[in-house]
Amino acid sequence: MANDASAVSDAPSSAVSNSPLADPFTPPADSSLWRKNFLLGAATASYQIEGAVDEDGRLPSIWDTFSATPGKVLAGDTGAVACDHYHRWEADIDMLASLGLEGYRLSIAWPRVMDAAGRPNRKGLDFYKRLLNRLKEKGITSFVTLYHWDLPQHLEDRGGWLNRDTAYRFADYADLMSRELAGTVDAWATLNEPWCSAYLGYGNGHHAPGLANDRFATQAMHHLLLAHGLAIPVLRGNDPASQKGIVANIGRGTANSDSAADQRAAHLFEVQHNAWILDPLLKGEYPQDLFELWPGTEPLVLDGDMQTIAAPLDFLGINYYFRTNVASDGAHGFRDVPLEGVERTQMGWEVFPDGLRDLLTGFKKTYNNLPPIYITENGMASDDKVIDGHVDDTQRISFLKRHLAAVDQAIKAGVDVRGYFLWSLMDNFEWAFGYERRFGVVHVDYSTQKRTVKRSAELVAKFLKERKARV
């Protein structure tokens, strides 16, 4: 952590563009972030920003169904309008470019581009073609995620990710997208955060489709990873010039004490949060400790599945937000023990940049075949308000500075990290938390759709301008 990070966090909230905040954000002279080939961008997801859920042939998704179910989403919010990006995409891309951001990670809405029979929906496809061509015109590197949780509802009606057939339907979807969009995409990610899709969607019911059974979670995960593995060779065949990968959310688990039981609990936390996904991808097997945590939940695995899942990757996307302090639950698992007196975000998540560095360096030791890494999401929610035309998000500025410093530390320790995407480009629909939690570096007034660039985005833009000017 940089020594002056606390000074940024404690800066007065009245700071404006010409304030001292402009300098403390800039990385030190020896930082790897000054490398011109270190990609710095921002990320979004289709359901969180697009809106237009009933337009131009788009079909319902599981998140349309889930958010319309009373009690599932805070304040009854839905993604029906969101940031109206479907209609405002040109101005949003212009805004992205004006900040000097070099990369844009977006996702495609599966229900927008195919009908229930698997036929292409031209109007939906044309939306993404226009968007991707504009990114190319602007010289912005495009990272496209095929699945950021908005499964077509008609597939969920047939079992969703509990149905093995969904993995094959995903491969069909990947085939259509990579044929239609070949040459416009720099990097494809098959899935975003399969842990969330499997565990939050099928394990505890916090996310769509809202099922809650540990056995469901492990089977859904297997079919998600199988879908990924089936899609990779399809993407390679149709769009060979692009990179292919997957995005995993990772969590740091720390023990509440030095006791063997608590140390084991922290290990099991990281097994279910990290190794559950990374071991199949990089070792071709599930971690057996997972089934110590959830006995009797082994998924049905057919011959050849694990080989398919372990298809070589060009990159691994990593999303990181916080750490969890845990203790033994006295049985075969763990329980959360929130620490007192630590910095937290609007989500209640602890700010712990060292966790990102520690996980990255740990993965390098654990996986001999660890691919190049992009931090595909990192950011924080805060209750940002526009005051006199400005948003001074001082906690976010400090958060970003410290996490970028952690990335630099991992690079210097030998981890091949090639880029970093801010989460998120703009405030948006934050899933089960609706519109209350603001993660953007651009503020969105949901009543008017007015965008206001926050101080954090100004400072990132300032750094990128300085880096570009260097010889």
Protein backbone atom coordinates (compact mmCIF):
# COMPACT_ATOMS: atom_id res chain seq x y z
CA MET A 1 0.00 0.00 0.00
CA ALA A 2 1.36 3.42 -0.96
CA ASN A 3 2.31 5.61 1.98
CA ASP A 4 0.19 8.52 0.81
CA ALA A 5 -2.99 6.50 0.24
CA SER A 6 -4.50 7.59 3.54
CA ALA A 7 -3.93 11.20 2.60
CA VAL A 8 -6.11 10.68 -0.45
CA SER A 9 -8.84 9.03 1.60
CA ASP A 10 -8.85 11.88 4.13
CA ALA A 11 -8.96 14.65 1.55
CA PRO A 12 -11.79 17.19 1.97
CA SER A 13 -14.99 16.31 0.14
CA SER A 14 -15.13 19.80 -1.34
CA ALA A 15 -12.11 19.11 -3.56
CA VAL A 16 -12.61 20.00 -7.24
CA SER A 17 -10.65 19.49 -10.43
CA ASN A 18 -7.71 21.73 -9.52
CA SER A 19 -7.34 20.29 -6.02
CA PRO A 20 -4.26 18.50 -4.58
CA LEU A 21 -6.06 15.24 -5.30
CA ALA A 22 -4.74 15.46 -8.83
CA ASP A 23 -1.23 14.40 -7.81
CA PRO A 24 -1.54 11.74 -5.06
CA PHE A 25 -3.45 9.42 -7.41
CA THR A 26 -0.58 9.22 -9.90
CA PRO A 27 1.46 6.00 -9.46
CA PRO A 28 5.08 6.29 -8.31
CA ALA A 29 7.75 6.58 -10.99
CA ASP A 30 8.80 2.91 -10.72
CA SER A 31 5.26 1.55 -11.07
CA SER A 32 4.56 -1.03 -13.77
CA LEU A 33 1.41 0.92 -14.56
CA TRP A 34 3.49 3.43 -16.53
CA ARG A 35 4.11 0.75 -19.16
CA LYS A 36 2.25 1.75 -22.29
CA ASN A 37 1.27 -1.86 -22.97
CA PHE A 38 -0.53 -2.14 -19.60
CA LEU A 39 -4.17 -1.82 -20.67
CA LEU A 40 -6.34 0.45 -18.52
CA GLY A 41 -10.05 0.40 -19.22
CA ALA A 42 -13.55 0.21 -17.77
CA ALA A 43 -16.20 -2.50 -17.68
CA THR A 44 -20.00 -2.83 -17.87
CA ALA A 45 -22.56 -5.61 -18.30
CA SER A 46 -25.57 -5.77 -20.62
CA TYR A 47 -28.43 -6.21 -18.12
CA GLN A 48 -26.96 -3.61 -15.79
CA ILE A 49 -26.88 -0.79 -18.35
CA GLU A 50 -28.81 -1.48 -21.55
CA GLY A 51 -32.49 -1.31 -20.62
CA ALA A 52 -34.79 -1.70 -23.65
CA VAL A 53 -35.79 -5.14 -22.41
CA ASP A 54 -38.82 -5.37 -24.74
CA GLU A 55 -37.34 -3.76 -27.86
CA ASP A 56 -36.22 -5.10 -31.23
CA GLY A 57 -37.01 -8.73 -30.54
CA ARG A 58 -35.19 -9.15 -27.24
CA LEU A 59 -36.55 -12.11 -25.27
CA PRO A 60 -37.01 -12.21 -21.47
CA SER A 61 -34.02 -13.19 -19.34
CA ILE A 62 -33.89 -14.78 -15.90
CA TRP A 63 -33.07 -11.35 -14.48
CA ASP A 64 -36.24 -9.85 -16.00
CA THR A 65 -38.21 -12.58 -14.24
CA PHE A 66 -36.27 -12.43 -10.97
CA SER A 67 -36.28 -8.63 -10.61
CA ALA A 68 -40.02 -8.50 -11.34
CA THR A 69 -40.64 -10.94 -8.46
CA PRO A 70 -41.64 -9.01 -5.30
CA GLY A 71 -38.98 -9.05 -2.59
CA LYS A 72 -36.10 -10.23 -4.75
CA VAL A 73 -34.49 -6.86 -5.55
CA LEU A 74 -34.08 -3.85 -3.27
CA ALA A 75 -36.88 -1.28 -3.72
CA GLY A 76 -38.43 -3.45 -6.45
CA ASP A 77 -35.91 -2.13 -8.99
CA THR A 78 -35.49 -3.84 -12.36
CA GLY A 79 -33.22 -3.51 -15.37
CA ALA A 80 -36.08 -2.46 -17.65
CA VAL A 81 -34.54 0.98 -18.27
CA ALA A 82 -31.23 0.87 -16.35
CA CYS A 83 -28.86 3.43 -17.95
CA ASP A 84 -30.77 3.38 -21.26
CA HIS A 85 -27.46 2.47 -22.90
CA TYR A 86 -29.29 0.73 -25.76
CA HIS A 87 -30.36 4.17 -26.96
CA ARG A 88 -27.44 6.23 -25.60
CA TRP A 89 -24.54 3.99 -26.59
CA GLU A 90 -22.95 6.48 -28.97
CA ALA A 91 -22.67 9.18 -26.33
CA ASP A 92 -21.48 6.61 -23.79
CA ILE A 93 -18.67 5.44 -26.10
CA ASP A 94 -17.74 9.07 -26.80
CA MET A 95 -17.55 9.59 -23.03
CA LEU A 96 -15.36 6.50 -22.61
CA ALA A 97 -13.03 7.77 -25.32
CA SER A 98 -12.93 11.30 -23.90
CA LEU A 99 -11.53 9.87 -20.66
CA GLY A 100 -8.67 8.30 -22.59
CA LEU A 101 -9.62 4.80 -21.45
CA GLU A 102 -7.88 2.26 -23.64
CA GLY A 103 -10.12 -0.76 -23.15
CA TYR A 104 -13.82 -1.46 -22.78
CA ARG A 105 -15.19 -4.68 -21.38
CA LEU A 106 -18.84 -5.22 -22.26
CA SER A 107 -21.19 -8.17 -22.37
CA ILE A 108 -23.66 -9.37 -24.95
CA ALA A 109 -27.25 -10.02 -23.90
CA TRP A 110 -27.93 -13.57 -25.07
CA PRO A 111 -31.72 -12.93 -25.18
CA ARG A 112 -31.13 -9.95 -27.51
CA VAL A 113 -29.33 -11.80 -30.29
CA MET A 114 -31.13 -15.15 -30.72
CA ASP A 115 -34.73 -16.29 -30.75
CA ALA A 116 -36.02 -19.31 -28.84
CA ALA A 117 -35.27 -21.57 -31.83
CA GLY A 118 -31.64 -20.38 -31.94
CA ARG A 119 -32.09 -18.21 -35.02
CA PRO A 120 -30.21 -14.89 -35.11
CA ASN A 121 -32.05 -11.69 -34.20
CA ARG A 122 -30.64 -9.21 -36.69
CA LYS A 123 -31.69 -6.07 -34.83
CA GLY A 124 -29.95 -7.23 -31.69
CA LEU A 125 -26.84 -8.29 -33.57
CA ASP A 126 -26.71 -4.96 -35.40
CA PHE A 127 -26.66 -3.11 -32.07
CA TYR A 128 -23.46 -4.87 -31.03
CA LYS A 129 -21.91 -4.56 -34.49
CA ARG A 130 -22.42 -0.79 -34.44
CA LEU A 131 -21.02 -0.55 -30.92
CA LEU A 132 -17.95 -2.67 -31.64
CA ASN A 133 -17.21 -0.87 -34.88
CA ARG A 134 -17.35 2.45 -33.04
CA LEU A 135 -14.87 1.14 -30.46
CA LYS A 136 -12.54 0.15 -33.31
CA GLU A 137 -12.86 3.63 -34.82
CA LYS A 138 -11.90 5.12 -31.45
CA GLY A 139 -8.92 2.78 -31.06
CA ILE A 140 -10.38 1.20 -27.92
CA THR A 141 -9.56 -2.46 -27.21
CA SER A 142 -12.75 -4.53 -26.85
CA PHE A 143 -13.19 -7.34 -24.33
CA VAL A 144 -16.54 -9.04 -24.94
CA THR A 145 -18.15 -11.33 -22.36
CA LEU A 146 -20.66 -13.79 -23.79
CA TYR A 147 -22.46 -14.53 -20.52
CA HIS A 148 -22.87 -11.99 -17.73
CA TRP A 149 -25.78 -13.77 -16.05
CA ASP A 150 -28.72 -12.90 -18.34
CA LEU A 151 -29.73 -16.43 -19.35
CA PRO A 152 -32.73 -16.53 -21.70
CA GLN A 153 -35.79 -17.39 -19.60
CA HIS A 154 -36.91 -20.07 -22.07
CA LEU A 155 -33.71 -22.01 -21.28
CA GLU A 156 -34.28 -21.64 -17.54
CA ASP A 157 -37.77 -23.01 -18.10
CA ARG A 158 -36.07 -26.17 -19.33
CA GLY A 159 -33.82 -26.41 -16.28
CA GLY A 160 -31.31 -23.63 -16.88
CA TRP A 161 -27.78 -24.46 -15.80
CA LEU A 162 -29.04 -27.61 -14.07
CA ASN A 163 -29.76 -28.98 -17.55
CA ARG A 164 -26.67 -30.23 -19.39
CA ASP A 165 -28.27 -29.22 -22.67
CA THR A 166 -27.81 -25.55 -21.75
CA ALA A 167 -24.05 -26.00 -22.16
CA TYR A 168 -24.61 -27.08 -25.78
CA ARG A 169 -27.00 -24.20 -26.39
CA PHE A 170 -24.27 -21.88 -25.10
CA ALA A 171 -21.82 -23.35 -27.60
CA ASP A 172 -24.36 -22.60 -30.36
CA TYR A 173 -24.64 -19.03 -29.08
CA ALA A 174 -20.83 -18.66 -29.00
CA ASP A 175 -20.71 -19.99 -32.56
CA LEU A 176 -23.21 -17.42 -33.83
CA MET A 177 -21.56 -14.51 -32.02
CA SER A 178 -18.03 -15.34 -33.13
CA ARG A 179 -19.13 -15.79 -36.75
CA GLU A 180 -21.09 -12.55 -36.78
CA LEU A 181 -18.60 -10.43 -34.82
CA ALA A 182 -15.29 -11.91 -36.00
CA GLY A 183 -12.69 -9.21 -36.54
CA THR A 184 -14.39 -6.65 -34.28
CA VAL A 185 -13.57 -8.29 -30.92
CA ASP A 186 -10.07 -8.20 -29.44
CA ALA A 187 -10.74 -10.63 -26.59
CA TRP A 188 -13.63 -13.00 -25.86
CA ALA A 189 -14.55 -14.10 -22.33
CA THR A 190 -16.96 -17.00 -22.23
CA LEU A 191 -18.41 -16.49 -18.75
CA ASN A 192 -18.39 -13.81 -16.11
CA GLU A 193 -18.06 -15.09 -12.55
CA PRO A 194 -19.43 -18.62 -12.76
CA TRP A 195 -19.19 -18.72 -8.94
CA CYS A 196 -21.97 -16.14 -8.75
CA SER A 197 -24.09 -17.84 -11.40
CA ALA A 198 -23.77 -21.21 -9.67
CA TYR A 199 -23.73 -20.36 -5.97
CA LEU A 200 -25.80 -17.17 -5.78
CA GLY A 201 -28.20 -18.38 -8.47
CA TYR A 202 -28.62 -22.02 -7.48
CA GLY A 203 -26.93 -22.41 -4.07
CA ASN A 204 -28.39 -19.66 -1.87
CA GLY A 205 -30.98 -18.00 -4.10
CA HIS A 206 -29.66 -14.45 -3.76
CA HIS A 207 -29.50 -14.08 -7.55
CA ALA A 208 -31.60 -15.29 -10.48
CA PRO A 209 -33.08 -17.84 -10.86
CA GLY A 210 -33.33 -17.89 -7.06
CA LEU A 211 -32.86 -21.58 -6.25
CA ALA A 212 -31.17 -22.70 -3.03
CA ASN A 213 -29.51 -26.11 -2.80
CA ASP A 214 -25.78 -26.93 -2.53
CA ARG A 215 -26.22 -29.88 -4.87
CA PHE A 216 -27.81 -27.57 -7.44
CA ALA A 217 -24.84 -25.22 -7.13
CA THR A 218 -22.19 -27.83 -7.89
CA GLN A 219 -24.16 -29.26 -10.82
CA ALA A 220 -24.84 -25.78 -12.24
CA MET A 221 -21.14 -24.98 -11.92
CA HIS A 222 -20.19 -28.11 -13.82
CA HIS A 223 -22.50 -27.23 -16.70
CA LEU A 224 -21.28 -23.62 -16.72
CA LEU A 225 -17.66 -24.75 -16.96
CA LEU A 226 -18.60 -27.35 -19.57
CA ALA A 227 -20.26 -24.57 -21.59
CA HIS A 228 -17.04 -22.59 -21.35
CA GLY A 229 -14.96 -25.56 -22.49
CA LEU A 230 -17.25 -26.29 -25.41
CA ALA A 231 -17.18 -22.66 -26.52
CA ILE A 232 -13.40 -22.15 -26.53
CA PRO A 233 -12.62 -24.23 -29.67
CA VAL A 234 -15.63 -22.70 -31.42
CA LEU A 235 -14.31 -19.20 -30.72
CA ARG A 236 -10.83 -20.24 -31.86
CA GLY A 237 -12.17 -21.62 -35.12
CA ASN A 238 -14.39 -18.67 -35.98
CA ASP A 239 -12.25 -15.76 -34.77
CA PRO A 240 -8.62 -16.92 -34.59
CA ALA A 241 -7.06 -13.46 -34.24
CA SER A 242 -8.78 -12.72 -30.91
CA GLN A 243 -7.82 -13.78 -27.39
CA LYS A 244 -10.02 -16.30 -25.58
CA GLY A 245 -10.53 -16.59 -21.84
CA ILE A 246 -12.90 -16.60 -18.91
CA VAL A 247 -13.56 -14.27 -15.97
CA ALA A 248 -13.55 -15.53 -12.37
CA ASN A 249 -14.34 -13.61 -9.20
CA ILE A 250 -11.90 -14.42 -6.44
CA GLY A 251 -12.10 -13.92 -2.69
CA ARG A 252 -9.46 -13.66 -0.01
CA GLY A 253 -10.26 -15.65 3.13
CA THR A 254 -8.33 -15.00 6.33
CA ALA A 255 -8.48 -16.89 9.62
CA ASN A 256 -9.88 -15.25 12.73
CA SER A 257 -7.17 -16.86 14.88
CA ASP A 258 -4.06 -19.00 14.67
CA SER A 259 -5.98 -22.11 15.69
CA ALA A 260 -5.80 -25.06 13.33
CA ALA A 261 -9.59 -25.10 13.03
CA ASP A 262 -9.76 -21.45 11.96
CA GLN A 263 -6.84 -21.86 9.55
CA ARG A 264 -8.67 -24.80 8.00
CA ALA A 265 -11.82 -22.70 7.76
CA ALA A 266 -9.94 -19.99 5.83
CA HIS A 267 -8.53 -22.64 3.51
CA LEU A 268 -12.02 -24.03 2.84
CA PHE A 269 -13.33 -20.53 2.14
CA GLU A 270 -10.75 -20.07 -0.60
CA VAL A 271 -11.38 -23.59 -1.92
CA GLN A 272 -15.07 -22.86 -2.50
CA HIS A 273 -14.48 -19.33 -3.75
CA ASN A 274 -11.40 -19.83 -5.93
CA ALA A 275 -10.25 -23.43 -6.44
CA TRP A 276 -13.79 -24.59 -7.25
CA ILE A 277 -13.41 -22.69 -10.52
CA LEU A 278 -9.67 -22.47 -11.12
CA ASP A 279 -8.78 -26.11 -10.42
CA PRO A 280 -11.07 -27.48 -13.16
CA LEU A 281 -9.87 -24.83 -15.60
CA LEU A 282 -6.15 -25.18 -14.89
CA LYS A 283 -5.78 -28.67 -13.39
CA GLY A 284 -8.68 -30.51 -15.00
CA GLU A 285 -10.15 -31.63 -11.67
CA TYR A 286 -12.39 -30.41 -8.87
CA PRO A 287 -10.78 -29.81 -5.45
CA GLN A 288 -11.76 -32.67 -3.19
CA ASP A 289 -11.81 -30.36 -0.18
CA LEU A 290 -14.94 -28.78 -1.68
CA PHE A 291 -16.86 -31.95 -0.92
CA GLU A 292 -15.59 -31.94 2.65
CA LEU A 293 -17.30 -28.55 2.90
CA TRP A 294 -20.44 -29.70 1.05
CA PRO A 295 -20.62 -33.50 1.53
CA GLY A 296 -22.54 -35.47 -1.06
CA THR A 297 -22.72 -32.67 -3.62
CA GLU A 298 -20.41 -34.11 -6.27
CA PRO A 299 -21.73 -33.21 -9.75
CA LEU A 300 -22.46 -35.72 -12.47
CA VAL A 301 -19.32 -35.67 -14.63
CA LEU A 302 -19.25 -37.59 -17.92
CA ASP A 303 -16.17 -39.00 -19.61
CA GLY A 304 -14.18 -36.27 -21.31
CA ASP A 305 -15.87 -33.38 -19.46
CA MET A 306 -12.84 -32.33 -17.45
CA GLN A 307 -10.58 -32.41 -20.49
CA THR A 308 -13.08 -30.16 -22.30
CA ILE A 309 -13.23 -27.75 -19.35
CA ALA A 310 -9.44 -27.51 -19.14
CA ALA A 311 -9.04 -26.16 -22.69
CA PRO A 312 -5.96 -23.87 -22.82
CA LEU A 313 -6.67 -20.18 -22.20
CA ASP A 314 -5.10 -17.07 -23.71
CA PHE A 315 -5.96 -15.06 -20.61
CA LEU A 316 -7.68 -15.32 -17.26
CA GLY A 317 -9.89 -12.46 -16.13
CA ILE A 318 -9.85 -11.79 -12.39
CA ASN A 319 -12.52 -9.82 -10.51
CA TYR A 320 -11.63 -8.82 -6.95
CA TYR A 321 -13.49 -6.72 -4.39
CA PHE A 322 -12.90 -7.69 -0.72
CA ARG A 323 -11.75 -10.23 1.83
CA THR A 324 -13.75 -12.31 4.27
CA ASN A 325 -12.52 -13.08 7.78
CA VAL A 326 -13.71 -16.52 8.89
CA ALA A 327 -13.65 -18.96 11.79
CA SER A 328 -14.51 -22.63 12.04
CA ASP A 329 -18.22 -23.36 12.31
CA GLY A 330 -17.41 -26.27 14.61
CA ALA A 331 -18.31 -28.80 11.94
CA HIS A 332 -16.86 -29.07 8.43
CA GLY A 333 -17.11 -25.47 7.29
CA PHE A 334 -16.63 -21.81 8.15
CA ARG A 335 -18.57 -18.81 9.40
CA ASP A 336 -17.98 -15.14 8.71
CA VAL A 337 -16.48 -13.11 11.57
CA PRO A 338 -16.59 -9.45 10.47
CA LEU A 339 -13.67 -7.42 11.76
CA GLU A 340 -14.24 -4.24 13.73
CA GLY A 341 -12.68 -0.89 12.87
CA VAL A 342 -11.85 -1.64 9.23
CA GLU A 343 -12.67 0.48 6.19
CA ARG A 344 -15.78 -0.67 4.35
CA THR A 345 -17.64 0.33 1.19
CA GLN A 346 -21.34 1.07 0.71
CA MET A 347 -21.78 -2.67 0.13
CA GLY A 348 -20.37 -3.39 3.59
CA TRP A 349 -17.34 -5.04 1.98
CA GLU A 350 -13.96 -4.59 3.65
CA VAL A 351 -11.38 -2.63 1.67
CA PHE A 352 -8.36 -4.95 1.58
CA PRO A 353 -5.98 -4.31 -1.35
CA ASP A 354 -3.35 -6.73 -0.03
CA GLY A 355 -5.79 -9.55 -0.70
CA LEU A 356 -5.54 -8.97 -4.44
CA ARG A 357 -1.76 -9.11 -4.39
CA ASP A 358 -1.71 -12.19 -2.13
CA LEU A 359 -4.19 -14.11 -4.28
CA LEU A 360 -2.38 -13.31 -7.53
CA THR A 361 1.01 -14.36 -6.17
CA GLY A 362 -0.59 -17.45 -4.64
CA PHE A 363 -2.12 -18.48 -7.96
CA LYS A 364 1.29 -18.16 -9.63
CA LYS A 365 2.67 -20.69 -7.12
CA THR A 366 -0.33 -23.02 -7.34
CA TYR A 367 -0.86 -23.19 -11.11
CA ASN A 368 2.15 -23.89 -13.33
CA ASN A 369 0.06 -23.05 -16.39
CA LEU A 370 -1.42 -19.79 -15.07
CA PRO A 371 -2.33 -17.72 -18.16
CA PRO A 372 -1.68 -14.00 -18.52
CA ILE A 373 -4.09 -12.11 -16.26
CA TYR A 374 -6.31 -9.10 -16.71
CA ILE A 375 -8.02 -7.58 -13.69
CA THR A 376 -11.41 -7.47 -15.40
CA GLU A 377 -13.25 -5.87 -12.46
CA ASN A 378 -12.15 -3.91 -9.43
CA GLY A 379 -13.97 -1.05 -7.78
CA MET A 380 -16.28 -0.03 -4.98
CA ALA A 381 -19.75 1.29 -4.25
CA SER A 382 -20.30 4.60 -2.50
CA ASP A 383 -23.29 6.87 -1.98
CA ASP A 384 -22.14 9.45 -4.52
CA LYS A 385 -23.99 12.72 -5.03
CA VAL A 386 -23.61 15.51 -7.57
CA ILE A 387 -22.84 18.78 -5.78
CA ASP A 388 -22.43 21.93 -7.89
CA GLY A 389 -21.85 19.79 -10.96
CA HIS A 390 -19.11 17.66 -9.38
CA VAL A 391 -18.86 14.25 -7.72
CA ASP A 392 -15.92 14.04 -5.33
CA ASP A 393 -15.63 10.32 -4.66
CA THR A 394 -12.60 10.51 -2.41
CA GLN A 395 -12.93 7.00 -0.97
CA ARG A 396 -13.00 5.51 -4.48
CA ILE A 397 -9.90 7.47 -5.47
CA SER A 398 -8.05 6.00 -2.51
CA PHE A 399 -9.47 2.53 -3.20
CA LEU A 400 -8.32 2.55 -6.82
CA LYS A 401 -4.88 3.89 -6.01
CA ARG A 402 -4.25 1.20 -3.40
CA HIS A 403 -5.55 -1.65 -5.54
CA LEU A 404 -3.50 -0.54 -8.52
CA ALA A 405 -0.49 -0.48 -6.19
CA ALA A 406 -1.33 -4.08 -5.20
CA VAL A 407 -1.42 -5.04 -8.89
CA ASP A 408 2.00 -3.43 -9.35
CA GLN A 409 3.33 -5.43 -6.40
CA ALA A 410 2.03 -8.66 -7.97
CA ILE A 411 3.67 -7.79 -11.30
CA LYS A 412 6.97 -7.14 -9.55
CA ALA A 413 6.60 -10.53 -7.85
CA GLY A 414 6.47 -12.14 -11.28
CA VAL A 415 2.74 -12.39 -12.02
CA ASP A 416 1.92 -11.63 -15.67
CA VAL A 417 -0.82 -9.01 -15.26
CA ARG A 418 -1.48 -7.18 -18.51
CA GLY A 419 -4.34 -4.84 -17.74
CA TYR A 420 -6.97 -3.50 -15.35
CA PHE A 421 -10.63 -2.61 -15.89
CA LEU A 422 -12.44 -0.27 -13.54
CA TRP A 423 -15.80 -1.50 -12.31
CA SER A 424 -17.73 0.25 -13.51
CA LEU A 425 -17.77 2.82 -16.28
CA MET A 426 -21.01 4.18 -14.86
CA ASP A 427 -23.47 3.68 -12.04
CA ASN A 428 -25.95 0.95 -12.97
CA PHE A 429 -28.39 -1.74 -11.86
CA GLU A 430 -26.49 -3.53 -9.10
CA TRP A 431 -28.40 -6.83 -9.27
CA ALA A 432 -30.20 -7.65 -6.01
CA PHE A 433 -29.29 -4.20 -4.64
CA GLY A 434 -31.03 -2.32 -7.46
CA TYR A 435 -29.99 1.29 -8.03
CA GLU A 436 -29.00 2.20 -4.48
CA ARG A 437 -25.33 1.13 -4.76
CA ARG A 438 -23.17 3.24 -7.07
CA PHE A 439 -20.04 1.58 -8.50
CA GLY A 440 -19.42 3.89 -11.45
CA VAL A 441 -16.63 6.34 -12.14
CA VAL A 442 -19.38 8.23 -13.96
CA HIS A 443 -22.52 9.24 -12.04
CA VAL A 444 -25.92 8.48 -13.59
CA ASP A 445 -29.04 10.42 -12.61
CA TYR A 446 -31.61 7.71 -13.25
CA SER A 447 -34.51 10.16 -13.52
CA THR A 448 -32.87 12.18 -16.33
CA GLN A 449 -30.11 9.78 -17.53
CA LYS A 450 -27.61 12.64 -17.18
CA ARG A 451 -24.02 11.42 -16.89
CA THR A 452 -21.56 13.29 -14.65
CA VAL A 453 -17.90 12.30 -14.68
CA LYS A 454 -16.69 11.70 -11.12
CA ARG A 455 -13.39 12.94 -9.72
CA SER A 456 -11.97 9.39 -9.85
CA ALA A 457 -12.51 9.24 -13.61
CA GLU A 458 -10.90 12.66 -14.04
CA LEU A 459 -7.80 11.48 -12.24
CA VAL A 460 -7.58 8.23 -14.20
CA ALA A 461 -7.87 10.31 -17.38
CA LYS A 462 -5.13 12.64 -16.14
CA PHE A 463 -2.79 9.71 -15.50
CA LEU A 464 -3.47 8.19 -18.91
CA LYS A 465 -2.78 11.51 -20.59
CA GLU A 466 0.51 11.79 -18.69
CA ARG A 467 1.47 8.23 -19.61
CA LYS A 468 0.69 8.77 -23.27
CA ALA A 469 2.85 11.90 -23.30
CA ARG A 470 5.90 10.02 -22.02
CA VAL A 471 8.51 9.12 -24.59
